[in-house]
Amino acid sequence: MDTKNKVKEVLANLLKVKIEELKDASTLIDSIGVDSTEMVESVIALEKSFGVKLSPKEITKNCTINDIVSNIDQKLTK
């Protein structure tokens, strides 16, 4: 499974939304309505799933799914 699909799967399961609702250009806050607690939970879930350390600044309210995937891919290639 590629990074983008895995990110969408993790977020869909955590946020109780359908994967189809997670568009590449979706922002977690504006498009999906994630609150601050869910944002922290999202960071933790993605860290566990990918085995990388993410700072909250890397997954901010303005980040899109594509931005999150890019951040994770950069960490995986280091």
PDB file of N, CA and C in Angstrom:
ATOM      1  N   MET A   1       0.849  -1.181   0.000  1.00  0.00           N
ATOM      2  CA  MET A   1       0.000   0.000   0.000  1.00  0.00           C
ATOM      3  C   MET A   1       0.893   1.242   0.000  1.00  0.00           C
ATOM      4  N   ASP A   2       0.560   2.201  -0.835  1.00  0.00           N
ATOM      5  CA  ASP A   2       1.378   3.404  -0.888  1.00  0.00           C
ATOM      6  C   ASP A   2       1.052   4.340   0.283  1.00  0.00           C
ATOM      7  N   THR A   3       1.896   5.328   0.471  1.00  0.00           N
ATOM      8  CA  THR A   3       1.776   6.229   1.609  1.00  0.00           C
ATOM      9  C   THR A   3       0.434   6.942   1.629  1.00  0.00           C
ATOM     10  N   LYS A   4       0.014   7.462   0.491  1.00  0.00           N
ATOM     11  CA  LYS A   4      -1.237   8.234   0.454  1.00  0.00           C
ATOM     12  C   LYS A   4      -2.434   7.384   0.877  1.00  0.00           C
ATOM     13  N   ASN A   5      -2.524   6.176   0.355  1.00  0.00           N
ATOM     14  CA  ASN A   5      -3.645   5.314   0.724  1.00  0.00           C
ATOM     15  C   ASN A   5      -3.602   4.933   2.193  1.00  0.00           C
ATOM     16  N   LYS A   6      -2.393   4.692   2.714  1.00  0.00           N
ATOM     17  CA  LYS A   6      -2.267   4.335   4.117  1.00  0.00           C
ATOM     18  C   LYS A   6      -2.640   5.521   5.007  1.00  0.00           C
ATOM     19  N   VAL A   7      -2.221   6.734   4.651  1.00  0.00           N
ATOM     20  CA  VAL A   7      -2.593   7.931   5.413  1.00  0.00           C
ATOM     21  C   VAL A   7      -4.107   8.067   5.434  1.00  0.00           C
ATOM     22  N   LYS A   8      -4.728   7.925   4.276  1.00  0.00           N
ATOM     23  CA  LYS A   8      -6.187   8.047   4.199  1.00  0.00           C
ATOM     24  C   LYS A   8      -6.879   6.975   5.026  1.00  0.00           C
ATOM     25  N   GLU A   9      -6.355   5.760   4.983  1.00  0.00           N
ATOM     26  CA  GLU A   9      -6.944   4.670   5.752  1.00  0.00           C
ATOM     27  C   GLU A   9      -6.848   4.942   7.257  1.00  0.00           C
ATOM     28  N   VAL A  10      -5.681   5.374   7.713  1.00  0.00           N
ATOM     29  CA  VAL A  10      -5.478   5.676   9.134  1.00  0.00           C
ATOM     30  C   VAL A  10      -6.422   6.790   9.579  1.00  0.00           C
ATOM     31  N   LEU A  11      -6.474   7.860   8.798  1.00  0.00           N
ATOM     32  CA  LEU A  11      -7.323   9.000   9.163  1.00  0.00           C
ATOM     33  C   LEU A  11      -8.807   8.646   9.090  1.00  0.00           C
ATOM     34  N   ALA A  12      -9.207   7.890   8.086  1.00  0.00           N
ATOM     35  CA  ALA A  12     -10.614   7.491   7.961  1.00  0.00           C
ATOM     36  C   ALA A  12     -11.050   6.661   9.159  1.00  0.00           C
ATOM     37  N   ASN A  13     -10.210   5.714   9.564  1.00  0.00           N
ATOM     38  CA  ASN A  13     -10.537   4.885  10.724  1.00  0.00           C
ATOM     39  C   ASN A  13     -10.605   5.708  12.000  1.00  0.00           C
ATOM     40  N   LEU A  14      -9.658   6.593  12.184  1.00  0.00           N
ATOM     41  CA  LEU A  14      -9.594   7.406  13.393  1.00  0.00           C
ATOM     42  C   LEU A  14     -10.751   8.396  13.464  1.00  0.00           C
ATOM     43  N   LEU A  15     -11.036   9.042  12.349  1.00  0.00           N
ATOM     44  CA  LEU A  15     -12.018  10.130  12.337  1.00  0.00           C
ATOM     45  C   LEU A  15     -13.429   9.658  11.999  1.00  0.00           C
ATOM     46  N   LYS A  16     -13.571   8.365  11.772  1.00  0.00           N
ATOM     47  CA  LYS A  16     -14.875   7.770  11.464  1.00  0.00           C
ATOM     48  C   LYS A  16     -15.522   8.417  10.236  1.00  0.00           C
ATOM     49  N   VAL A  17     -14.729   8.537   9.177  1.00  0.00           N
ATOM     50  CA  VAL A  17     -15.233   9.043   7.900  1.00  0.00           C
ATOM     51  C   VAL A  17     -14.891   8.023   6.816  1.00  0.00           C
ATOM     52  N   LYS A  18     -15.545   8.148   5.682  1.00  0.00           N
ATOM     53  CA  LYS A  18     -15.250   7.269   4.557  1.00  0.00           C
ATOM     54  C   LYS A  18     -13.981   7.755   3.863  1.00  0.00           C
ATOM     55  N   ILE A  19     -13.184   6.820   3.382  1.00  0.00           N
ATOM     56  CA  ILE A  19     -11.954   7.173   2.678  1.00  0.00           C
ATOM     57  C   ILE A  19     -12.253   8.111   1.513  1.00  0.00           C
ATOM     58  N   GLU A  20     -13.377   7.921   0.862  1.00  0.00           N
ATOM     59  CA  GLU A  20     -13.745   8.753  -0.281  1.00  0.00           C
ATOM     60  C   GLU A  20     -13.898  10.230   0.117  1.00  0.00           C
ATOM     61  N   GLU A  21     -14.199  10.502   1.379  1.00  0.00           N
ATOM     62  CA  GLU A  21     -14.347  11.878   1.859  1.00  0.00           C
ATOM     63  C   GLU A  21     -12.998  12.579   1.995  1.00  0.00           C
ATOM     64  N   LEU A  22     -11.926  11.820   2.029  1.00  0.00           N
ATOM     65  CA  LEU A  22     -10.585  12.381   2.205  1.00  0.00           C
ATOM     66  C   LEU A  22      -9.951  12.643   0.841  1.00  0.00           C
ATOM     67  N   LYS A  23     -10.237  13.786   0.310  1.00  0.00           N
ATOM     68  CA  LYS A  23      -9.675  14.186  -0.983  1.00  0.00           C
ATOM     69  C   LYS A  23      -8.225  14.622  -0.792  1.00  0.00           C
ATOM     70  N   ASP A  24      -7.434  14.521  -1.834  1.00  0.00           N
ATOM     71  CA  ASP A  24      -6.012  14.871  -1.752  1.00  0.00           C
ATOM     72  C   ASP A  24      -5.795  16.304  -1.277  1.00  0.00           C
ATOM     73  N   ALA A  25      -6.673  17.197  -1.670  1.00  0.00           N
ATOM     74  CA  ALA A  25      -6.536  18.606  -1.300  1.00  0.00           C
ATOM     75  C   ALA A  25      -7.341  18.969  -0.050  1.00  0.00           C
ATOM     76  N   SER A  26      -7.925  17.968   0.620  1.00  0.00           N
ATOM     77  CA  SER A  26      -8.690  18.224   1.843  1.00  0.00           C
ATOM     78  C   SER A  26      -7.771  18.664   2.971  1.00  0.00           C
ATOM     79  N   THR A  27      -8.207  19.676   3.700  1.00  0.00           N
ATOM     80  CA  THR A  27      -7.504  20.043   4.930  1.00  0.00           C
ATOM     81  C   THR A  27      -8.256  19.401   6.081  1.00  0.00           C
ATOM     82  N   LEU A  28      -7.543  19.000   7.102  1.00  0.00           N
ATOM     83  CA  LEU A  28      -8.184  18.281   8.199  1.00  0.00           C
ATOM     84  C   LEU A  28      -9.213  19.133   8.934  1.00  0.00           C
ATOM     85  N   ILE A  29      -8.912  20.396   9.150  1.00  0.00           N
ATOM     86  CA  ILE A  29      -9.832  21.246   9.913  1.00  0.00           C
ATOM     87  C   ILE A  29     -10.984  21.729   9.036  1.00  0.00           C
ATOM     88  N   ASP A  30     -10.678  22.371   7.940  1.00  0.00           N
ATOM     89  CA  ASP A  30     -11.716  22.997   7.130  1.00  0.00           C
ATOM     90  C   ASP A  30     -12.584  21.990   6.372  1.00  0.00           C
ATOM     91  N   SER A  31     -11.976  21.004   5.784  1.00  0.00           N
ATOM     92  CA  SER A  31     -12.731  20.057   4.963  1.00  0.00           C
ATOM     93  C   SER A  31     -13.392  18.951   5.772  1.00  0.00           C
ATOM     94  N   ILE A  32     -12.733  18.520   6.822  1.00  0.00           N
ATOM     95  CA  ILE A  32     -13.216  17.358   7.560  1.00  0.00           C
ATOM     96  C   ILE A  32     -13.764  17.738   8.931  1.00  0.00           C
ATOM     97  N   GLY A  33     -13.386  18.903   9.445  1.00  0.00           N
ATOM     98  CA  GLY A  33     -13.901  19.358  10.733  1.00  0.00           C
ATOM     99  C   GLY A  33     -13.197  18.763  11.937  1.00  0.00           C
ATOM    100  N   VAL A  34     -11.916  18.470  11.803  1.00  0.00           N
ATOM    101  CA  VAL A  34     -11.126  17.897  12.897  1.00  0.00           C
ATOM    102  C   VAL A  34     -10.915  18.959  13.973  1.00  0.00           C
ATOM    103  N   ASP A  35     -11.114  18.571  15.231  1.00  0.00           N
ATOM    104  CA  ASP A  35     -10.840  19.502  16.324  1.00  0.00           C
ATOM    105  C   ASP A  35      -9.418  19.273  16.839  1.00  0.00           C
ATOM    106  N   SER A  36      -9.010  20.059  17.834  1.00  0.00           N
ATOM    107  CA  SER A  36      -7.617  19.990  18.298  1.00  0.00           C
ATOM    108  C   SER A  36      -7.272  18.632  18.902  1.00  0.00           C
ATOM    109  N   THR A  37      -8.197  18.020  19.600  1.00  0.00           N
ATOM    110  CA  THR A  37      -7.942  16.698  20.182  1.00  0.00           C
ATOM    111  C   THR A  37      -7.763  15.664  19.073  1.00  0.00           C
ATOM    112  N   GLU A  38      -8.621  15.710  18.070  1.00  0.00           N
ATOM    113  CA  GLU A  38      -8.505  14.774  16.952  1.00  0.00           C
ATOM    114  C   GLU A  38      -7.221  15.011  16.162  1.00  0.00           C
ATOM    115  N   MET A  39      -6.768  16.260  16.131  1.00  0.00           N
ATOM    116  CA  MET A  39      -5.512  16.578  15.438  1.00  0.00           C
ATOM    117  C   MET A  39      -4.353  15.865  16.132  1.00  0.00           C
ATOM    118  N   VAL A  40      -4.314  15.945  17.456  1.00  0.00           N
ATOM    119  CA  VAL A  40      -3.258  15.269  18.227  1.00  0.00           C
ATOM    120  C   VAL A  40      -3.360  13.759  18.025  1.00  0.00           C
ATOM    121  N   GLU A  41      -4.564  13.228  18.085  1.00  0.00           N
ATOM    122  CA  GLU A  41      -4.758  11.793  17.878  1.00  0.00           C
ATOM    123  C   GLU A  41      -4.314  11.376  16.475  1.00  0.00           C
ATOM    124  N   SER A  42      -4.547  12.245  15.494  1.00  0.00           N
ATOM    125  CA  SER A  42      -4.127  11.953  14.116  1.00  0.00           C
ATOM    126  C   SER A  42      -2.612  11.866  14.016  1.00  0.00           C
ATOM    127  N   VAL A  43      -1.930  12.811  14.657  1.00  0.00           N
ATOM    128  CA  VAL A  43      -0.457  12.801  14.653  1.00  0.00           C
ATOM    129  C   VAL A  43       0.046  11.496  15.265  1.00  0.00           C
ATOM    130  N   ILE A  44      -0.497  11.129  16.408  1.00  0.00           N
ATOM    131  CA  ILE A  44      -0.061   9.905  17.109  1.00  0.00           C
ATOM    132  C   ILE A  44      -0.334   8.667  16.254  1.00  0.00           C
ATOM    133  N   ALA A  45      -1.523   8.595  15.668  1.00  0.00           N
ATOM    134  CA  ALA A  45      -1.876   7.428  14.846  1.00  0.00           C
ATOM    135  C   ALA A  45      -0.966   7.314  13.624  1.00  0.00           C
ATOM    136  N   LEU A  46      -0.659   8.440  12.997  1.00  0.00           N
ATOM    137  CA  LEU A  46       0.228   8.404  11.824  1.00  0.00           C
ATOM    138  C   LEU A  46       1.652   8.045  12.226  1.00  0.00           C
ATOM    139  N   GLU A  47       2.111   8.547  13.368  1.00  0.00           N
ATOM    140  CA  GLU A  47       3.452   8.182  13.850  1.00  0.00           C
ATOM    141  C   GLU A  47       3.557   6.683  14.081  1.00  0.00           C
ATOM    142  N   LYS A  48       2.551   6.114  14.714  1.00  0.00           N
ATOM    143  CA  LYS A  48       2.560   4.674  14.991  1.00  0.00           C
ATOM    144  C   LYS A  48       2.491   3.860  13.706  1.00  0.00           C
ATOM    145  N   SER A  49       1.688   4.305  12.767  1.00  0.00           N
ATOM    146  CA  SER A  49       1.507   3.557  11.523  1.00  0.00           C
ATOM    147  C   SER A  49       2.742   3.556  10.643  1.00  0.00           C
ATOM    148  N   PHE A  50       3.458   4.681  10.639  1.00  0.00           N
ATOM    149  CA  PHE A  50       4.602   4.814   9.740  1.00  0.00           C
ATOM    150  C   PHE A  50       5.949   4.700  10.449  1.00  0.00           C
ATOM    151  N   GLY A  51       5.961   4.715  11.770  1.00  0.00           N
ATOM    152  CA  GLY A  51       7.224   4.622  12.500  1.00  0.00           C
ATOM    153  C   GLY A  51       8.097   5.849  12.343  1.00  0.00           C
ATOM    154  N   VAL A  52       7.465   7.009  12.200  1.00  0.00           N
ATOM    155  CA  VAL A  52       8.200   8.266  12.080  1.00  0.00           C
ATOM    156  C   VAL A  52       7.729   9.222  13.167  1.00  0.00           C
ATOM    157  N   LYS A  53       8.533  10.234  13.437  1.00  0.00           N
ATOM    158  CA  LYS A  53       8.173  11.271  14.405  1.00  0.00           C
ATOM    159  C   LYS A  53       7.679  12.489  13.637  1.00  0.00           C
ATOM    160  N   LEU A  54       6.470  12.924  13.950  1.00  0.00           N
ATOM    161  CA  LEU A  54       5.882  14.096  13.303  1.00  0.00           C
ATOM    162  C   LEU A  54       5.663  15.181  14.344  1.00  0.00           C
ATOM    163  N   SER A  55       6.007  16.399  13.992  1.00  0.00           N
ATOM    164  CA  SER A  55       5.713  17.494  14.910  1.00  0.00           C
ATOM    165  C   SER A  55       4.323  18.016  14.574  1.00  0.00           C
ATOM    166  N   PRO A  56       3.626  18.541  15.566  1.00  0.00           N
ATOM    167  CA  PRO A  56       2.298  19.108  15.291  1.00  0.00           C
ATOM    168  C   PRO A  56       2.337  20.185  14.210  1.00  0.00           C
ATOM    169  N   LYS A  57       3.463  20.878  14.069  1.00  0.00           N
ATOM    170  CA  LYS A  57       3.579  21.911  13.040  1.00  0.00           C
ATOM    171  C   LYS A  57       3.536  21.321  11.640  1.00  0.00           C
ATOM    172  N   GLU A  58       3.909  20.041  11.513  1.00  0.00           N
ATOM    173  CA  GLU A  58       3.912  19.394  10.204  1.00  0.00           C
ATOM    174  C   GLU A  58       2.510  18.979   9.772  1.00  0.00           C
ATOM    175  N   ILE A  59       1.616  18.901  10.723  1.00  0.00           N
ATOM    176  CA  ILE A  59       0.236  18.542  10.410  1.00  0.00           C
ATOM    177  C   ILE A  59      -0.654  19.594  11.064  1.00  0.00           C
ATOM    178  N   THR A  60      -0.669  20.750  10.463  1.00  0.00           N
ATOM    179  CA  THR A  60      -1.457  21.855  11.008  1.00  0.00           C
ATOM    180  C   THR A  60      -2.826  21.901  10.354  1.00  0.00           C
ATOM    181  N   LYS A  61      -3.623  22.833  10.827  1.00  0.00           N
ATOM    182  CA  LYS A  61      -4.977  22.942  10.307  1.00  0.00           C
ATOM    183  C   LYS A  61      -5.016  23.261   8.817  1.00  0.00           C
ATOM    184  N   ASN A  62      -3.951  23.829   8.281  1.00  0.00           N
ATOM    185  CA  ASN A  62      -3.933  24.192   6.866  1.00  0.00           C
ATOM    186  C   ASN A  62      -3.316  23.130   5.975  1.00  0.00           C
ATOM    187  N   CYS A  63      -2.820  22.056   6.560  1.00  0.00           N
ATOM    188  CA  CYS A  63      -2.204  20.987   5.777  1.00  0.00           C
ATOM    189  C   CYS A  63      -3.264  20.193   5.020  1.00  0.00           C
ATOM    190  N   THR A  64      -2.932  19.845   3.808  1.00  0.00           N
ATOM    191  CA  THR A  64      -3.803  18.962   3.031  1.00  0.00           C
ATOM    192  C   THR A  64      -3.324  17.521   3.214  1.00  0.00           C
ATOM    193  N   ILE A  65      -4.116  16.602   2.736  1.00  0.00           N
ATOM    194  CA  ILE A  65      -3.703  15.193   2.750  1.00  0.00           C
ATOM    195  C   ILE A  65      -2.381  15.054   1.987  1.00  0.00           C
ATOM    196  N   ASN A  66      -2.265  15.735   0.852  1.00  0.00           N
ATOM    197  CA  ASN A  66      -1.023  15.679   0.071  1.00  0.00           C
ATOM    198  C   ASN A  66       0.169  16.192   0.874  1.00  0.00           C
ATOM    199  N   ASP A  67      -0.018  17.262   1.668  1.00  0.00           N
ATOM    200  CA  ASP A  67       1.063  17.798   2.501  1.00  0.00           C
ATOM    201  C   ASP A  67       1.508  16.772   3.540  1.00  0.00           C
ATOM    202  N   ILE A  68       0.548  16.111   4.149  1.00  0.00           N
ATOM    203  CA  ILE A  68       0.857  15.097   5.168  1.00  0.00           C
ATOM    204  C   ILE A  68       1.636  13.946   4.534  1.00  0.00           C
ATOM    205  N   VAL A  69       1.181  13.493   3.375  1.00  0.00           N
ATOM    206  CA  VAL A  69       1.865  12.410   2.662  1.00  0.00           C
ATOM    207  C   VAL A  69       3.293  12.817   2.328  1.00  0.00           C
ATOM    208  N   SER A  70       3.467  14.034   1.855  1.00  0.00           N
ATOM    209  CA  SER A  70       4.796  14.535   1.504  1.00  0.00           C
ATOM    210  C   SER A  70       5.717  14.563   2.727  1.00  0.00           C
ATOM    211  N   ASN A  71       5.204  15.042   3.861  1.00  0.00           N
ATOM    212  CA  ASN A  71       6.000  15.077   5.094  1.00  0.00           C
ATOM    213  C   ASN A  71       6.427  13.676   5.519  1.00  0.00           C
ATOM    214  N   ILE A  72       5.513  12.735   5.450  1.00  0.00           N
ATOM    215  CA  ILE A  72       5.827  11.353   5.845  1.00  0.00           C
ATOM    216  C   ILE A  72       6.823  10.736   4.870  1.00  0.00           C
ATOM    217  N   ASP A  73       6.606  10.918   3.572  1.00  0.00           N
ATOM    218  CA  ASP A  73       7.533  10.376   2.574  1.00  0.00           C
ATOM    219  C   ASP A  73       8.948  10.915   2.770  1.00  0.00           C
ATOM    220  N   GLN A  74       9.084  12.197   3.086  1.00  0.00           N
ATOM    221  CA  GLN A  74      10.401  12.777   3.322  1.00  0.00           C
ATOM    222  C   GLN A  74      11.089  12.110   4.507  1.00  0.00           C
ATOM    223  N   LYS A  75      10.339  11.827   5.560  1.00  0.00           N
ATOM    224  CA  LYS A  75      10.910  11.194   6.742  1.00  0.00           C
ATOM    225  C   LYS A  75      11.272   9.722   6.470  1.00  0.00           C
ATOM    226  N   LEU A  76      10.479   9.068   5.648  1.00  0.00           N
ATOM    227  CA  LEU A  76      10.743   7.656   5.338  1.00  0.00           C
ATOM    228  C   LEU A  76      11.973   7.475   4.470  1.00  0.00           C
ATOM    229  N   THR A  77      12.350   8.493   3.695  1.00  0.00           N
ATOM    230  CA  THR A  77      13.500   8.361   2.813  1.00  0.00           C
ATOM    231  C   THR A  77      14.799   8.791   3.480  1.00  0.00           C
ATOM    232  N   LYS A  78      14.727   9.319   4.694  1.00  0.00           N
ATOM    233  CA  LYS A  78      15.947   9.744   5.407  1.00  0.00           C
ATOM    234  C   LYS A  78      16.645   8.577   6.024  1.00  0.00           C
TER     235      LYS A  78
END
